[in-house]
Amino acid sequence: MTPLIDVVFLLLLFFMLTSTFSNFGEIELSQASSGETTQNGQTEKFFVQLGETRLVLNGAPTMLDELAAQMERGQLLVSLDEDVSAQRVVDLLARLRGRPELTVLVLE
């Protein structure tokens, strides 16, 4: 008879080799590039303070959906509070992805 531990290791090896791994929740990061300028030669800059329960855009409280609707181009600086979770940061970055004219810089 085959010992039970050998059967368990064979099953473990089988499932490890036959499983597929997916990239769930992947966020594409881009490298720094030259800044875009507006018509008068200035780059639009926005400052966001991100906390676990608060989101402030240029000193005015806002919601995540409103922030994503307002940001189309320019440079966005994100300052993180001490209580912010990684999921909250990922939620913000996921809402802002897909905008080639928007540069996001997360400050620690």
Protein backbone atom coordinates (compact mmCIF):
# COMPACT_ATOMS: atom_id res chain seq x y z
CA MET A 1 0.00 0.00 0.00
CA THR A 2 1.03 3.59 -0.63
CA PRO A 3 1.42 5.80 2.43
CA LEU A 4 -1.11 8.61 2.71
CA ILE A 5 1.58 11.32 2.76
CA ASP A 6 2.80 10.23 -0.69
CA VAL A 7 -0.71 10.54 -2.09
CA VAL A 8 -1.10 14.00 -0.56
CA PHE A 9 2.19 15.20 -2.05
CA LEU A 10 1.28 13.80 -5.46
CA LEU A 11 -2.09 15.58 -5.36
CA LEU A 12 -0.43 18.81 -4.25
CA LEU A 13 2.11 18.56 -7.06
CA PHE A 14 -0.62 17.82 -9.59
CA PHE A 15 -2.73 20.82 -8.59
CA MET A 16 0.26 23.15 -8.48
CA LEU A 17 1.37 22.19 -11.98
CA THR A 18 -2.08 22.24 -13.60
CA SER A 19 -3.38 25.48 -12.10
CA THR A 20 -3.19 28.77 -13.94
CA PHE A 21 -2.27 32.05 -12.33
CA SER A 22 -3.97 35.23 -13.44
CA ASN A 23 -2.98 38.83 -12.90
CA PHE A 24 -5.99 40.04 -10.96
CA GLY A 25 -6.33 43.77 -10.42
CA GLU A 26 -3.23 44.65 -12.39
CA ILE A 27 -2.47 48.36 -12.70
CA GLU A 28 -0.25 49.53 -15.48
CA LEU A 29 2.43 51.98 -14.35
CA SER A 30 4.11 54.32 -16.78
CA GLN A 31 7.52 55.90 -16.65
CA ALA A 32 8.07 59.59 -16.18
CA SER A 33 7.82 61.66 -19.34
CA SER A 34 8.00 65.28 -20.34
CA GLY A 35 5.19 67.39 -18.93
CA GLU A 36 2.27 68.49 -21.03
CA THR A 37 1.51 72.17 -21.15
CA THR A 38 -1.70 74.07 -21.66
CA GLN A 39 -2.23 76.82 -24.19
CA ASN A 40 -0.60 79.46 -21.99
CA GLY A 41 2.50 77.31 -21.39
CA GLN A 42 1.60 76.14 -17.87
CA THR A 43 0.98 72.57 -16.81
CA GLU A 44 -2.30 72.05 -14.95
CA LYS A 45 -1.44 70.78 -11.48
CA PHE A 46 -3.79 69.24 -8.96
CA PHE A 47 -3.08 68.26 -5.37
CA VAL A 48 -5.04 65.44 -3.72
CA GLN A 49 -4.90 64.44 -0.07
CA LEU A 50 -6.06 60.84 0.29
CA GLY A 51 -7.11 59.35 3.60
CA GLU A 52 -9.16 56.33 4.59
CA THR A 53 -12.34 58.40 4.85
CA ARG A 54 -11.42 61.71 3.23
CA LEU A 55 -10.48 62.88 -0.24
CA VAL A 56 -9.50 66.53 -0.74
CA LEU A 57 -8.80 68.08 -4.15
CA ASN A 58 -6.94 71.42 -3.98
CA GLY A 59 -8.32 72.08 -0.49
CA ALA A 60 -11.96 71.20 -1.25
CA PRO A 61 -13.53 67.90 -0.13
CA THR A 62 -14.65 65.71 -3.02
CA MET A 63 -15.79 62.18 -3.81
CA LEU A 64 -13.83 59.56 -5.75
CA ASP A 65 -16.28 59.52 -8.68
CA GLU A 66 -16.26 63.33 -8.94
CA LEU A 67 -12.46 63.38 -8.88
CA ALA A 68 -12.23 60.83 -11.69
CA ALA A 69 -14.68 62.88 -13.79
CA GLN A 70 -12.66 66.11 -13.33
CA MET A 71 -9.21 64.69 -14.10
CA GLU A 72 -8.52 64.49 -17.82
CA ARG A 73 -5.09 66.04 -18.26
CA GLY A 74 -2.29 67.64 -16.31
CA GLN A 75 -0.29 66.52 -13.31
CA LEU A 76 -1.89 65.03 -10.20
CA LEU A 77 0.09 64.88 -6.95
CA VAL A 78 -1.38 62.49 -4.37
CA SER A 79 -0.42 62.86 -0.71
CA LEU A 80 -1.26 59.87 1.49
CA ASP A 81 -2.45 60.13 5.07
CA GLU A 82 -1.07 57.72 7.66
CA ASP A 83 -4.36 55.84 7.97
CA VAL A 84 -4.90 55.17 4.24
CA SER A 85 -5.05 51.55 3.11
CA ALA A 86 -3.42 50.14 0.01
CA GLN A 87 -6.85 49.24 -1.36
CA ARG A 88 -7.94 52.88 -1.22
CA VAL A 89 -4.85 53.92 -3.22
CA VAL A 90 -5.51 51.17 -5.77
CA ASP A 91 -9.13 52.30 -6.09
CA LEU A 92 -7.96 55.85 -6.85
CA LEU A 93 -5.37 54.70 -9.40
CA ALA A 94 -7.85 52.34 -11.05
CA ARG A 95 -10.34 55.19 -11.55
CA LEU A 96 -7.66 57.40 -13.11
CA ARG A 97 -6.07 54.87 -15.46
CA GLY A 98 -6.56 55.11 -19.19
CA ARG A 99 -5.95 58.85 -19.38
CA PRO A 100 -2.75 59.33 -21.41
CA GLU A 101 -2.61 63.09 -20.80
CA LEU A 102 -2.76 62.72 -16.98
CA THR A 103 0.38 62.15 -14.96
CA VAL A 104 -0.14 60.76 -11.44
CA LEU A 105 2.59 61.02 -8.80
CA VAL A 106 1.98 59.40 -5.41
CA LEU A 107 3.90 60.98 -2.53
CA GLU A 108 4.60 59.05 0.63
